[in-house]
Amino acid sequence: MSHESELSNTMYDLLHAMGKDAGFLYETIDTYIKDAQNANKSDLVETWQTIKKDRLKHLHMLKQALEKEIHG
């Protein structure tokens, strides 16, 4: 396997993970939080909010890693 294809694989991995996290954060998580709020389940609201915070942190980490891949 050449160095170039390894780079492609790692960039793909980062982009794929970012897409999954971004989709969850921007399309799904707020619905889950609202559902828990509507059901008056404050513990579940907290759980989803913590997951959202963690996923945002992960997305930021992935973005930094991707920038490092691109710029070296």
C-alpha atoms as a PDB file:
ATOM      1  CA  MET A   1       0.000   0.000   0.000  1.00  0.00           C
ATOM      2  CA  SER A   2       1.432   3.361  -0.992  1.00  0.00           C
ATOM      3  CA  HIS A   3       1.685   6.338   1.344  1.00  0.00           C
ATOM      4  CA  GLU A   4      -0.826   8.208  -0.828  1.00  0.00           C
ATOM      5  CA  SER A   5      -3.539   5.570  -0.435  1.00  0.00           C
ATOM      6  CA  GLU A   6      -2.940   5.418   3.327  1.00  0.00           C
ATOM      7  CA  LEU A   7      -3.501   9.164   3.489  1.00  0.00           C
ATOM      8  CA  SER A   8      -6.694   8.755   1.448  1.00  0.00           C
ATOM      9  CA  ASN A   9      -7.912   6.080   3.851  1.00  0.00           C
ATOM     10  CA  THR A  10      -7.240   8.183   6.929  1.00  0.00           C
ATOM     11  CA  MET A  11      -8.851  11.262   5.399  1.00  0.00           C
ATOM     12  CA  TYR A  12     -11.873   9.178   4.397  1.00  0.00           C
ATOM     13  CA  ASP A  13     -12.131   7.812   7.941  1.00  0.00           C
ATOM     14  CA  LEU A  14     -12.086  11.322   9.412  1.00  0.00           C
ATOM     15  CA  LEU A  15     -14.605  12.683   6.918  1.00  0.00           C
ATOM     16  CA  HIS A  16     -16.914   9.700   7.407  1.00  0.00           C
ATOM     17  CA  ALA A  17     -16.815  10.020  11.205  1.00  0.00           C
ATOM     18  CA  MET A  18     -17.389  13.776  10.969  1.00  0.00           C
ATOM     19  CA  GLY A  19     -20.392  13.221   8.710  1.00  0.00           C
ATOM     20  CA  LYS A  20     -21.939  10.727  11.109  1.00  0.00           C
ATOM     21  CA  ASP A  21     -21.418  12.984  14.131  1.00  0.00           C
ATOM     22  CA  ALA A  22     -22.629  16.064  12.254  1.00  0.00           C
ATOM     23  CA  GLY A  23     -25.755  14.254  11.076  1.00  0.00           C
ATOM     24  CA  PHE A  24     -26.549  13.086  14.591  1.00  0.00           C
ATOM     25  CA  LEU A  25     -25.910  16.540  16.069  1.00  0.00           C
ATOM     26  CA  TYR A  26     -27.777  18.590  13.497  1.00  0.00           C
ATOM     27  CA  GLU A  27     -30.606  16.232  12.507  1.00  0.00           C
ATOM     28  CA  THR A  28     -31.359  13.959  15.461  1.00  0.00           C
ATOM     29  CA  ILE A  29     -30.195  14.920  18.952  1.00  0.00           C
ATOM     30  CA  ASP A  30     -32.457  17.960  19.430  1.00  0.00           C
ATOM     31  CA  THR A  31     -35.490  15.801  18.611  1.00  0.00           C
ATOM     32  CA  TYR A  32     -34.391  13.314  21.282  1.00  0.00           C
ATOM     33  CA  ILE A  33     -33.978  16.145  23.801  1.00  0.00           C
ATOM     34  CA  LYS A  34     -37.438  17.550  22.973  1.00  0.00           C
ATOM     35  CA  ASP A  35     -39.015  14.092  23.257  1.00  0.00           C
ATOM     36  CA  ALA A  36     -37.467  13.644  26.706  1.00  0.00           C
ATOM     37  CA  GLN A  37     -38.607  17.143  27.728  1.00  0.00           C
ATOM     38  CA  ASN A  38     -42.161  16.451  26.517  1.00  0.00           C
ATOM     39  CA  ALA A  39     -42.163  13.234  28.538  1.00  0.00           C
ATOM     40  CA  ASN A  40     -40.961  15.162  31.635  1.00  0.00           C
ATOM     41  CA  LYS A  41     -37.898  12.924  31.915  1.00  0.00           C
ATOM     42  CA  SER A  42     -35.275  15.367  33.189  1.00  0.00           C
ATOM     43  CA  ASP A  43     -32.657  12.634  33.718  1.00  0.00           C
ATOM     44  CA  LEU A  44     -33.002  11.620  30.073  1.00  0.00           C
ATOM     45  CA  VAL A  45     -32.817  15.267  28.960  1.00  0.00           C
ATOM     46  CA  GLU A  46     -29.539  15.539  30.873  1.00  0.00           C
ATOM     47  CA  THR A  47     -28.246  12.342  29.307  1.00  0.00           C
ATOM     48  CA  TRP A  48     -28.972  13.561  25.764  1.00  0.00           C
ATOM     49  CA  GLN A  49     -27.483  16.990  26.530  1.00  0.00           C
ATOM     50  CA  THR A  50     -24.299  15.352  27.831  1.00  0.00           C
ATOM     51  CA  ILE A  51     -24.085  13.175  24.712  1.00  0.00           C
ATOM     52  CA  LYS A  52     -24.581  16.273  22.540  1.00  0.00           C
ATOM     53  CA  LYS A  53     -21.771  18.087  24.369  1.00  0.00           C
ATOM     54  CA  ASP A  54     -19.458  15.071  24.009  1.00  0.00           C
ATOM     55  CA  ARG A  55     -20.271  14.638  20.305  1.00  0.00           C
ATOM     56  CA  LEU A  56     -19.549  18.341  19.691  1.00  0.00           C
ATOM     57  CA  LYS A  57     -16.185  17.834  21.393  1.00  0.00           C
ATOM     58  CA  HIS A  58     -15.517  14.772  19.223  1.00  0.00           C
ATOM     59  CA  LEU A  59     -16.503  16.675  16.077  1.00  0.00           C
ATOM     60  CA  HIS A  60     -14.039  19.425  17.006  1.00  0.00           C
ATOM     61  CA  MET A  61     -11.294  16.822  17.572  1.00  0.00           C
ATOM     62  CA  LEU A  62     -12.019  15.246  14.192  1.00  0.00           C
ATOM     63  CA  LYS A  63     -11.909  18.669  12.509  1.00  0.00           C
ATOM     64  CA  GLN A  64      -8.512  19.367  14.050  1.00  0.00           C
ATOM     65  CA  ALA A  65      -7.236  15.953  12.961  1.00  0.00           C
ATOM     66  CA  LEU A  66      -8.501  16.541   9.415  1.00  0.00           C
ATOM     67  CA  GLU A  67      -6.796  19.940   9.260  1.00  0.00           C
ATOM     68  CA  LYS A  68      -3.562  18.251  10.359  1.00  0.00           C
ATOM     69  CA  GLU A  69      -3.977  15.618   7.618  1.00  0.00           C
ATOM     70  CA  ILE A  70      -4.530  18.328   4.993  1.00  0.00           C
ATOM     71  CA  HIS A  71      -1.834  20.764   6.084  1.00  0.00           C
ATOM     72  CA  GLY A  72       0.670  18.335   7.598  1.00  0.00           C
END
